[in-house]
């Protein structure tokens, strides 16, 4: 799972919490004597939040998560991750989708900054120029003209669309 890859490769002290949180979520009284019912539920809920959001927290500890994790993640990992993020039956769908969105934003920033072109200077317009000529519906923008910005549609739940963007990470 991508979440495990993110957590295991991060240099922060709390990366070891996941195993304990998984145990605490299932059996909050493991290794401790709980004297109140509310303490039991506090431990259970804290463990549940840790299981759901530790990867997102770990992501924030990377200086450059896209490049730091590039060689550690495979296309199969991305496909499995996107399927879980979009699966309405996945009880962790919200936290998985949040992590997916953060990854897409980070990827968009890296690709945009690496392919950014010099600013285009406007040419003077003469009376004979067709100033509306740029508005015809011609060919799509070529790679040379593209500034690298993805403009991710975060409301698009098409796995192919999302995977096409994520696969750029590994290229």
Protein backbone atom coordinates (compact mmCIF):
# COMPACT_ATOMS: atom_id res chain seq x y z
CA UNK A 1 0.00 0.00 0.00
CA UNK A 2 1.21 3.47 -0.83
CA UNK A 3 0.42 4.63 2.69
CA UNK A 4 2.92 2.10 4.10
CA UNK A 5 5.58 3.16 1.58
CA UNK A 6 5.10 6.81 2.56
CA UNK A 7 5.29 6.03 6.29
CA UNK A 8 8.19 3.53 6.14
CA UNK A 9 10.44 5.80 4.09
CA UNK A 10 9.87 8.92 6.16
CA UNK A 11 12.33 10.16 8.77
CA UNK A 12 10.03 11.07 11.63
CA UNK A 13 9.69 9.53 15.06
CA UNK A 14 5.97 8.74 14.81
CA UNK A 15 6.38 6.44 11.77
CA UNK A 16 6.39 3.48 14.16
CA UNK A 17 2.89 4.30 15.46
CA UNK A 18 1.02 2.44 12.74
CA UNK A 19 1.47 -1.08 14.15
CA UNK A 20 0.47 0.01 17.67
CA UNK A 21 -2.49 1.97 16.27
CA UNK A 22 -3.73 -1.04 14.31
CA UNK A 23 -3.68 -3.11 17.50
CA UNK A 24 -5.24 -0.30 19.56
CA UNK A 25 -8.04 0.17 17.06
CA UNK A 26 -9.06 -3.48 17.37
CA UNK A 27 -8.29 -4.00 21.07
CA UNK A 28 -7.78 -0.71 22.95
CA UNK A 29 -7.11 -2.49 26.24
CA UNK A 30 -4.01 -4.34 24.92
CA UNK A 31 -1.15 -3.88 27.38
CA UNK A 32 -2.99 -1.45 29.65
CA UNK A 33 -5.61 -1.56 32.35
CA UNK A 34 -8.52 0.66 31.41
CA UNK A 35 -10.58 1.90 34.33
CA UNK A 36 -13.28 3.82 32.46
CA UNK A 37 -15.37 3.08 29.43
CA UNK A 38 -14.65 6.52 27.95
CA UNK A 39 -10.87 5.89 28.10
CA UNK A 40 -11.42 2.71 26.10
CA UNK A 41 -13.19 4.71 23.38
CA UNK A 42 -10.62 7.52 23.42
CA UNK A 43 -7.81 5.01 22.83
CA UNK A 44 -9.84 3.28 20.11
CA UNK A 45 -10.68 6.56 18.33
CA UNK A 46 -7.11 7.91 18.56
CA UNK A 47 -5.82 4.66 17.10
CA UNK A 48 -8.39 4.82 14.32
CA UNK A 49 -7.42 8.41 13.41
CA UNK A 50 -3.75 7.40 13.42
CA UNK A 51 -4.44 4.48 11.07
CA UNK A 52 -6.37 6.71 8.70
CA UNK A 53 -4.13 9.80 8.69
CA UNK A 54 -0.57 8.81 9.61
CA UNK A 55 0.43 8.61 5.92
CA UNK A 56 -0.91 12.11 5.30
CA UNK A 57 1.05 13.36 8.31
CA UNK A 58 4.18 11.54 7.09
CA UNK A 59 3.79 13.11 3.63
CA UNK A 60 4.13 16.55 5.25
CA UNK A 61 7.53 15.59 6.70
CA UNK A 62 9.17 15.03 3.33
CA UNK A 63 11.15 17.89 1.85
CA UNK A 64 10.37 16.70 -1.68
CA UNK A 65 7.98 13.73 -1.45
CA UNK A 66 7.52 13.35 -5.20
CA UNK A 67 11.23 12.85 -5.88
CA UNK A 68 11.96 11.11 -2.56
CA UNK A 69 9.35 8.40 -3.25
CA UNK A 70 9.58 8.18 -7.04
CA UNK A 71 11.72 5.04 -7.17
CA UNK A 72 9.88 3.32 -4.32
CA UNK A 73 6.37 3.32 -5.81
CA UNK A 74 5.25 1.13 -8.70
CA UNK A 75 2.36 1.50 -11.14
CA UNK A 76 0.56 -1.41 -9.45
CA UNK A 77 0.75 0.49 -6.13
CA UNK A 78 -0.81 3.56 -7.75
CA UNK A 79 -3.59 1.55 -9.37
CA UNK A 80 -4.50 -0.17 -6.10
CA UNK A 81 -4.39 3.17 -4.26
CA UNK A 82 -6.65 4.98 -6.75
CA UNK A 83 -9.14 2.10 -6.72
CA UNK A 84 -9.34 2.29 -2.91
CA UNK A 85 -9.65 6.09 -2.97
CA UNK A 86 -12.61 5.87 -5.36
CA UNK A 87 -14.31 2.80 -3.88
CA UNK A 88 -17.56 3.85 -2.17
CA UNK A 89 -17.40 0.68 -0.04
CA UNK A 90 -13.98 1.59 1.38
CA UNK A 91 -14.52 2.76 4.95
CA UNK A 92 -11.29 4.80 4.74
CA UNK A 93 -12.31 6.43 1.45
CA UNK A 94 -12.25 9.99 2.80
CA UNK A 95 -8.75 9.82 4.23
CA UNK A 96 -7.47 7.89 1.21
CA UNK A 97 -8.98 10.46 -1.15
CA UNK A 98 -7.45 13.30 0.87
CA UNK A 99 -4.03 11.71 0.53
CA UNK A 100 -4.64 11.21 -3.20
CA UNK A 101 -5.53 14.90 -3.59
CA UNK A 102 -2.40 15.98 -1.70
CA UNK A 103 -0.27 13.74 -3.93
CA UNK A 104 -1.92 15.16 -7.06
CA UNK A 105 -1.33 18.74 -5.86
CA UNK A 106 2.33 17.96 -5.10
CA UNK A 107 2.79 16.26 -8.45
CA UNK A 108 1.14 19.16 -10.26
CA UNK A 109 3.52 21.63 -8.57
CA UNK A 110 6.63 19.59 -9.44
CA UNK A 111 5.68 19.03 -13.07
CA UNK A 112 4.61 22.65 -13.52
CA UNK A 113 7.83 24.08 -12.11
CA UNK A 114 10.06 21.70 -14.07
CA UNK A 115 8.43 22.49 -17.44
CA UNK A 116 7.73 26.19 -16.98
CA UNK A 117 8.69 28.24 -20.02
CA UNK A 118 10.03 31.75 -20.32
CA UNK A 119 7.24 34.32 -20.27
CA UNK A 120 5.72 34.98 -23.68
CA UNK A 121 6.05 38.55 -24.88
CA UNK A 122 3.15 40.00 -26.82
CA UNK A 123 3.73 41.09 -30.37
CA UNK A 124 2.26 44.41 -31.47
CA UNK A 125 -1.07 44.15 -33.28
CA UNK A 126 -1.46 45.91 -36.60
CA UNK A 127 -4.73 47.00 -38.16
CA UNK A 128 -4.57 44.07 -40.59
CA UNK A 129 -3.99 41.33 -38.00
CA UNK A 130 -6.88 39.01 -37.22
CA UNK A 131 -6.98 39.56 -33.45
CA UNK A 132 -9.55 36.80 -33.10
CA UNK A 133 -7.54 34.24 -35.04
CA UNK A 134 -6.29 32.60 -31.85
CA UNK A 135 -9.84 31.59 -30.97
CA UNK A 136 -10.33 29.04 -33.71
CA UNK A 137 -10.65 25.46 -32.59
CA UNK A 138 -7.50 24.10 -34.15
CA UNK A 139 -5.06 21.47 -33.02
CA UNK A 140 -4.39 20.93 -29.31
CA UNK A 141 -1.35 22.58 -27.72
CA UNK A 142 1.88 20.76 -28.48
CA UNK A 143 4.36 19.65 -25.82
CA UNK A 144 6.62 22.56 -26.79
CA UNK A 145 3.84 25.07 -26.13
CA UNK A 146 2.54 23.43 -22.95
CA UNK A 147 3.79 25.04 -19.74
CA UNK A 148 3.50 21.78 -17.79
CA UNK A 149 0.58 22.74 -15.58
CA UNK A 150 -1.79 19.81 -15.19
CA UNK A 151 -4.82 21.65 -13.80
CA UNK A 152 -6.06 18.57 -11.99
CA UNK A 153 -9.82 18.12 -11.86
CA UNK A 154 -10.28 16.92 -8.27
CA UNK A 155 -13.94 16.12 -8.90
CA UNK A 156 -13.16 13.70 -11.71
CA UNK A 157 -13.64 10.19 -10.35
CA UNK A 158 -12.49 8.44 -13.51
CA UNK A 159 -9.66 6.10 -12.43
CA UNK A 160 -8.05 6.27 -15.88
CA UNK A 161 -7.90 10.09 -15.71
CA UNK A 162 -6.30 10.01 -12.26
CA UNK A 163 -3.88 7.20 -13.13
CA UNK A 164 -2.73 9.02 -16.28
CA UNK A 165 -1.70 11.93 -14.07
CA UNK A 166 -0.10 9.73 -11.41
CA UNK A 167 1.87 7.70 -13.96
CA UNK A 168 3.68 10.93 -14.90
CA UNK A 169 5.18 10.68 -11.42
CA UNK A 170 7.03 7.52 -12.36
CA UNK A 171 8.13 8.58 -15.85
